[in-house]
């Protein structure tokens, strides 16, 4: 099952450390088959507010994503980012190619029924 590292970057300062981080990050991702899917283009906000930009990195599994984040190579460059960029980073498991949202709805319906809750 794929997994993702999702970063919401609320603010950043252009600094030589950030440039160095960007130059070095791919080498930390390669051993874990990580790849950038989104890297900070301006988003078209169609609902709500979205201050800042986003980064999305795909991994083959949540275990690979966790291993990357904890790796000595990534830990060695982490402060280059965190000292100059304010934001949040999540690791989250994706869904498989046969994901069915209706199945999720059925599970929620069953859970609500067991708890005696209304779903309307």
N, C-alpha and C. Protein backbone atom coordinates (compact mmCIF):
# COMPACT_ATOMS: atom_id res chain seq x y z
N UNK A 1 0.85 -1.18 0.00
CA UNK A 1 0.00 0.00 0.00
C UNK A 1 0.90 1.24 0.00
N UNK A 2 0.66 2.19 -0.89
CA UNK A 2 1.50 3.38 -0.91
C UNK A 2 1.30 4.22 0.35
N UNK A 3 2.28 5.03 0.64
CA UNK A 3 2.19 5.96 1.76
C UNK A 3 2.80 7.29 1.30
N UNK A 4 2.48 8.32 2.05
CA UNK A 4 2.88 9.66 1.64
C UNK A 4 3.43 10.45 2.81
N UNK A 5 4.41 11.25 2.50
CA UNK A 5 4.86 12.30 3.40
C UNK A 5 4.23 13.58 2.88
N UNK A 6 3.38 14.19 3.68
CA UNK A 6 2.65 15.39 3.28
C UNK A 6 3.10 16.54 4.15
N UNK A 7 3.61 17.59 3.55
CA UNK A 7 4.05 18.77 4.29
C UNK A 7 3.22 19.97 3.88
N UNK A 8 2.73 20.69 4.88
CA UNK A 8 2.07 21.98 4.67
C UNK A 8 3.06 23.03 5.13
N UNK A 9 3.59 23.78 4.19
CA UNK A 9 4.59 24.80 4.49
C UNK A 9 3.89 26.15 4.60
N UNK A 10 3.77 26.63 5.84
CA UNK A 10 3.04 27.88 6.07
C UNK A 10 3.89 29.11 5.76
N UNK A 11 5.16 29.04 6.05
CA UNK A 11 6.04 30.17 5.74
C UNK A 11 7.47 29.65 5.61
N UNK A 12 8.25 30.37 4.83
CA UNK A 12 9.64 29.99 4.67
C UNK A 12 10.47 31.23 4.42
N UNK A 13 11.72 31.12 4.79
CA UNK A 13 12.69 32.16 4.50
C UNK A 13 13.69 31.59 3.51
N UNK A 14 13.91 32.32 2.44
CA UNK A 14 14.94 31.89 1.49
C UNK A 14 16.29 32.02 2.18
N UNK A 15 16.98 30.93 2.28
CA UNK A 15 18.24 30.88 3.01
C UNK A 15 19.12 29.84 2.34
N UNK A 16 20.41 30.01 2.46
CA UNK A 16 21.33 29.05 1.85
C UNK A 16 21.13 27.64 2.42
N UNK A 17 20.69 27.54 3.68
CA UNK A 17 20.41 26.21 4.26
C UNK A 17 19.28 25.51 3.52
N UNK A 18 18.25 26.26 3.14
CA UNK A 18 17.12 25.66 2.41
C UNK A 18 17.59 25.17 1.05
N UNK A 19 18.42 25.94 0.40
CA UNK A 19 18.97 25.52 -0.90
C UNK A 19 19.78 24.24 -0.73
N UNK A 20 20.60 24.18 0.30
CA UNK A 20 21.39 22.97 0.55
C UNK A 20 20.48 21.78 0.83
N UNK A 21 19.42 21.99 1.61
CA UNK A 21 18.45 20.93 1.90
C UNK A 21 17.87 20.38 0.60
N UNK A 22 17.45 21.28 -0.28
CA UNK A 22 16.86 20.85 -1.55
C UNK A 22 17.87 20.10 -2.42
N UNK A 23 19.11 20.51 -2.36
CA UNK A 23 20.15 19.82 -3.14
C UNK A 23 20.43 18.42 -2.60
N UNK A 24 20.20 18.20 -1.32
CA UNK A 24 20.57 16.93 -0.69
C UNK A 24 19.41 15.97 -0.44
N UNK A 25 18.17 16.44 -0.48
CA UNK A 25 17.06 15.58 -0.04
C UNK A 25 16.86 14.35 -0.93
N UNK A 26 17.02 14.48 -2.23
CA UNK A 26 16.75 13.33 -3.10
C UNK A 26 17.63 12.13 -2.75
N UNK A 27 18.87 12.38 -2.39
CA UNK A 27 19.76 11.28 -2.00
C UNK A 27 19.27 10.57 -0.75
N UNK A 28 18.51 11.27 0.11
CA UNK A 28 17.95 10.62 1.30
C UNK A 28 16.71 9.80 0.96
N UNK A 29 16.02 10.18 -0.10
CA UNK A 29 14.80 9.48 -0.52
C UNK A 29 15.09 8.21 -1.32
N UNK A 30 16.13 8.25 -2.12
CA UNK A 30 16.42 7.15 -3.05
C UNK A 30 16.47 5.76 -2.39
N UNK A 31 17.13 5.58 -1.24
CA UNK A 31 17.18 4.24 -0.65
C UNK A 31 15.81 3.70 -0.20
N UNK A 32 14.82 4.60 -0.10
CA UNK A 32 13.49 4.21 0.37
C UNK A 32 12.45 4.32 -0.75
N UNK A 33 12.93 4.47 -1.98
CA UNK A 33 12.07 4.59 -3.17
C UNK A 33 11.08 5.74 -3.04
N UNK A 34 11.50 6.81 -2.36
CA UNK A 34 10.64 7.99 -2.24
C UNK A 34 10.77 8.87 -3.46
N UNK A 35 9.64 9.48 -3.83
CA UNK A 35 9.66 10.38 -4.99
C UNK A 35 8.69 11.53 -4.77
N UNK A 36 9.09 12.70 -5.23
CA UNK A 36 8.22 13.86 -5.13
C UNK A 36 7.04 13.71 -6.08
N UNK A 37 5.85 13.98 -5.58
CA UNK A 37 4.64 14.01 -6.38
C UNK A 37 4.21 15.46 -6.58
N UNK A 38 4.29 16.24 -5.51
CA UNK A 38 3.99 17.68 -5.52
C UNK A 38 5.13 18.36 -4.78
N UNK A 39 5.58 19.49 -5.31
CA UNK A 39 6.63 20.22 -4.62
C UNK A 39 6.42 21.72 -4.73
N UNK A 40 5.46 22.21 -3.98
CA UNK A 40 5.30 23.62 -3.72
C UNK A 40 4.76 24.55 -4.78
N UNK A 41 4.09 24.11 -5.83
CA UNK A 41 3.51 25.11 -6.73
C UNK A 41 2.33 25.78 -6.04
N UNK A 42 1.99 27.00 -6.46
CA UNK A 42 0.80 27.63 -5.88
C UNK A 42 -0.43 26.77 -6.16
N UNK A 43 -1.23 26.59 -5.13
CA UNK A 43 -2.44 25.78 -5.26
C UNK A 43 -3.62 26.66 -5.67
N UNK A 44 -4.53 26.10 -6.40
CA UNK A 44 -5.78 26.78 -6.70
C UNK A 44 -6.75 26.42 -5.59
N UNK A 45 -7.00 27.36 -4.69
CA UNK A 45 -7.88 27.12 -3.55
C UNK A 45 -9.31 27.32 -4.01
N UNK A 46 -10.11 26.25 -3.97
CA UNK A 46 -11.50 26.35 -4.42
C UNK A 46 -12.49 26.28 -3.27
N UNK A 47 -12.04 25.87 -2.08
CA UNK A 47 -12.86 25.90 -0.87
C UNK A 47 -11.96 26.23 0.30
N UNK A 48 -12.42 27.07 1.19
CA UNK A 48 -11.66 27.40 2.39
C UNK A 48 -10.44 28.25 2.09
N UNK A 49 -9.48 28.17 3.01
CA UNK A 49 -8.24 28.94 2.89
C UNK A 49 -7.06 27.98 2.94
N UNK A 50 -6.03 28.29 2.23
CA UNK A 50 -4.82 27.46 2.26
C UNK A 50 -3.60 28.38 2.22
N UNK A 51 -3.17 28.83 3.40
CA UNK A 51 -1.97 29.67 3.41
C UNK A 51 -0.72 28.81 3.22
N UNK A 52 0.13 29.22 2.33
CA UNK A 52 1.38 28.50 2.14
C UNK A 52 1.36 27.59 0.93
N UNK A 53 2.22 26.59 0.99
CA UNK A 53 2.34 25.64 -0.11
C UNK A 53 2.42 24.22 0.44
N UNK A 54 2.48 23.25 -0.46
CA UNK A 54 2.51 21.86 -0.02
C UNK A 54 3.59 21.08 -0.75
N UNK A 55 3.97 19.99 -0.08
CA UNK A 55 4.89 19.02 -0.66
C UNK A 55 4.29 17.65 -0.41
N UNK A 56 4.32 16.79 -1.42
CA UNK A 56 3.83 15.43 -1.28
C UNK A 56 4.89 14.49 -1.83
N UNK A 57 5.35 13.57 -0.97
CA UNK A 57 6.36 12.59 -1.35
C UNK A 57 5.74 11.21 -1.21
N UNK A 58 5.84 10.40 -2.25
CA UNK A 58 5.26 9.05 -2.24
C UNK A 58 6.33 8.02 -1.90
N UNK A 59 5.92 7.03 -1.11
CA UNK A 59 6.76 5.89 -0.74
C UNK A 59 5.99 4.61 -1.03
N UNK A 60 6.68 3.49 -1.20
CA UNK A 60 5.99 2.22 -1.43
C UNK A 60 5.13 1.77 -0.25
N UNK A 61 5.50 2.19 0.97
CA UNK A 61 4.75 1.75 2.16
C UNK A 61 4.99 2.73 3.29
N UNK A 62 4.14 2.63 4.31
CA UNK A 62 4.31 3.46 5.50
C UNK A 62 5.61 3.12 6.21
N UNK A 63 5.99 1.85 6.20
CA UNK A 63 7.26 1.46 6.81
C UNK A 63 8.44 2.15 6.13
N UNK A 64 8.42 2.24 4.80
CA UNK A 64 9.49 2.93 4.07
C UNK A 64 9.49 4.42 4.40
N UNK A 65 8.32 5.03 4.50
CA UNK A 65 8.23 6.45 4.84
C UNK A 65 8.81 6.72 6.23
N UNK A 66 8.45 5.88 7.18
CA UNK A 66 8.98 6.03 8.54
C UNK A 66 10.50 5.81 8.57
N UNK A 67 10.95 4.82 7.83
CA UNK A 67 12.39 4.53 7.79
C UNK A 67 13.16 5.71 7.19
N UNK A 68 12.61 6.32 6.14
CA UNK A 68 13.25 7.50 5.55
C UNK A 68 13.35 8.62 6.58
N UNK A 69 12.23 8.94 7.24
CA UNK A 69 12.24 10.06 8.18
C UNK A 69 13.22 9.83 9.33
N UNK A 70 13.36 8.61 9.76
CA UNK A 70 14.27 8.29 10.85
C UNK A 70 15.69 7.99 10.43
N UNK A 71 15.95 8.00 9.13
CA UNK A 71 17.28 7.61 8.64
C UNK A 71 18.34 8.63 9.04
N UNK A 72 19.55 8.16 9.29
CA UNK A 72 20.65 9.09 9.60
C UNK A 72 20.87 10.13 8.49
N UNK A 73 20.71 9.73 7.24
CA UNK A 73 20.93 10.67 6.14
C UNK A 73 19.92 11.81 6.18
N UNK A 74 18.64 11.50 6.44
CA UNK A 74 17.65 12.57 6.51
C UNK A 74 17.82 13.39 7.77
N UNK A 75 18.08 12.74 8.88
CA UNK A 75 18.26 13.46 10.14
C UNK A 75 19.42 14.46 10.03
N UNK A 76 20.41 14.13 9.21
CA UNK A 76 21.57 15.01 9.04
C UNK A 76 21.21 16.33 8.34
N UNK A 77 20.14 16.34 7.55
CA UNK A 77 19.76 17.57 6.85
C UNK A 77 18.49 18.21 7.39
N UNK A 78 17.82 17.58 8.30
CA UNK A 78 16.52 18.05 8.79
C UNK A 78 16.55 19.49 9.27
N UNK A 79 17.54 19.86 10.06
CA UNK A 79 17.60 21.22 10.61
C UNK A 79 17.78 22.28 9.52
N UNK A 80 18.33 21.90 8.39
CA UNK A 80 18.45 22.85 7.29
C UNK A 80 17.07 23.35 6.87
N UNK A 81 16.07 22.49 7.00
CA UNK A 81 14.68 22.86 6.68
C UNK A 81 13.99 23.48 7.88
N UNK A 82 14.01 22.81 9.01
CA UNK A 82 13.19 23.24 10.15
C UNK A 82 13.64 24.57 10.75
N UNK A 83 14.87 24.95 10.56
CA UNK A 83 15.33 26.25 11.07
C UNK A 83 14.79 27.43 10.25
N UNK A 84 14.27 27.16 9.05
CA UNK A 84 13.89 28.25 8.15
C UNK A 84 12.50 28.12 7.54
N UNK A 85 11.85 26.99 7.76
CA UNK A 85 10.53 26.76 7.18
C UNK A 85 9.58 26.38 8.30
N UNK A 86 8.46 27.10 8.39
CA UNK A 86 7.43 26.77 9.38
C UNK A 86 6.37 25.92 8.69
N UNK A 87 6.08 24.78 9.28
CA UNK A 87 5.07 23.93 8.67
C UNK A 87 4.86 22.65 9.45
N UNK A 88 4.08 21.78 8.88
CA UNK A 88 3.73 20.50 9.48
C UNK A 88 4.06 19.39 8.50
N UNK A 89 4.42 18.23 9.03
CA UNK A 89 4.71 17.06 8.19
C UNK A 89 3.94 15.87 8.73
N UNK A 90 3.23 15.21 7.86
CA UNK A 90 2.47 14.01 8.21
C UNK A 90 2.98 12.84 7.40
N UNK A 91 2.93 11.66 7.97
CA UNK A 91 3.10 10.42 7.22
C UNK A 91 1.75 9.75 7.25
N UNK A 92 1.26 9.37 6.08
CA UNK A 92 -0.09 8.80 6.01
C UNK A 92 -0.13 7.70 4.95
N UNK A 93 -0.86 6.65 5.29
CA UNK A 93 -1.00 5.53 4.35
C UNK A 93 -2.05 5.87 3.31
N UNK A 94 -1.76 5.53 2.07
CA UNK A 94 -2.70 5.75 0.99
C UNK A 94 -3.66 4.58 0.85
N UNK A 95 -4.41 4.60 -0.21
CA UNK A 95 -5.34 3.51 -0.49
C UNK A 95 -4.84 2.76 -1.72
N UNK A 96 -5.23 1.52 -1.82
CA UNK A 96 -4.82 0.70 -2.95
C UNK A 96 -5.60 1.02 -4.21
N UNK A 97 -5.22 0.43 -5.32
CA UNK A 97 -5.87 0.73 -6.60
C UNK A 97 -7.33 0.28 -6.67
N UNK A 98 -7.73 -0.64 -5.80
CA UNK A 98 -9.11 -1.13 -5.82
C UNK A 98 -9.95 -0.55 -4.70
N UNK A 99 -9.53 0.57 -4.13
CA UNK A 99 -10.26 1.21 -3.04
C UNK A 99 -11.69 1.54 -3.47
N UNK A 100 -12.63 1.25 -2.59
CA UNK A 100 -14.05 1.50 -2.86
C UNK A 100 -14.61 2.37 -1.73
N UNK A 101 -14.89 3.65 -1.99
CA UNK A 101 -15.42 4.50 -0.94
C UNK A 101 -16.78 4.04 -0.42
N UNK A 102 -17.54 3.33 -1.24
CA UNK A 102 -18.83 2.81 -0.78
C UNK A 102 -18.63 1.77 0.32
N UNK A 103 -17.55 1.01 0.25
CA UNK A 103 -17.24 0.05 1.31
C UNK A 103 -16.97 0.78 2.62
N UNK A 104 -16.27 1.90 2.54
CA UNK A 104 -16.02 2.72 3.73
C UNK A 104 -17.35 3.22 4.30
N UNK A 105 -18.27 3.62 3.44
CA UNK A 105 -19.58 4.08 3.89
C UNK A 105 -20.32 2.96 4.62
N UNK A 106 -20.24 1.75 4.10
CA UNK A 106 -20.91 0.61 4.75
C UNK A 106 -20.32 0.36 6.14
N UNK A 107 -19.01 0.46 6.27
CA UNK A 107 -18.37 0.27 7.58
C UNK A 107 -18.80 1.35 8.56
N UNK A 108 -18.86 2.59 8.11
CA UNK A 108 -19.32 3.68 8.98
C UNK A 108 -20.77 3.46 9.41
N UNK A 109 -21.59 3.01 8.48
CA UNK A 109 -23.00 2.72 8.78
C UNK A 109 -23.09 1.63 9.84
N UNK A 110 -22.32 0.57 9.70
CA UNK A 110 -22.34 -0.53 10.67
C UNK A 110 -21.85 -0.06 12.03
N UNK A 111 -20.79 0.73 12.06
CA UNK A 111 -20.27 1.25 13.33
C UNK A 111 -21.30 2.12 14.03
N UNK A 112 -21.97 2.97 13.28
CA UNK A 112 -22.99 3.84 13.86
C UNK A 112 -24.14 3.02 14.41
N UNK A 113 -24.52 1.96 13.69
CA UNK A 113 -25.60 1.09 14.15
C UNK A 113 -25.26 0.39 15.45
N UNK A 114 -24.03 -0.08 15.57
CA UNK A 114 -23.60 -0.75 16.81
C UNK A 114 -23.56 0.22 17.98
N UNK A 115 -23.27 1.48 17.70
CA UNK A 115 -23.18 2.47 18.77
C UNK A 115 -24.53 3.11 19.05
N UNK A 116 -25.56 2.74 18.28
CA UNK A 116 -26.89 3.30 18.48
C UNK A 116 -26.99 4.75 18.03
N UNK A 117 -26.16 5.13 17.07
CA UNK A 117 -26.16 6.50 16.57
C UNK A 117 -26.92 6.57 15.26
N UNK A 118 -27.49 7.72 15.04
CA UNK A 118 -28.16 7.98 13.77
C UNK A 118 -27.12 8.40 12.74
N UNK A 119 -27.30 7.97 11.51
CA UNK A 119 -26.40 8.39 10.44
C UNK A 119 -27.04 9.47 9.58
N UNK A 120 -28.18 9.98 10.02
CA UNK A 120 -28.81 11.05 9.23
C UNK A 120 -28.63 12.39 9.88
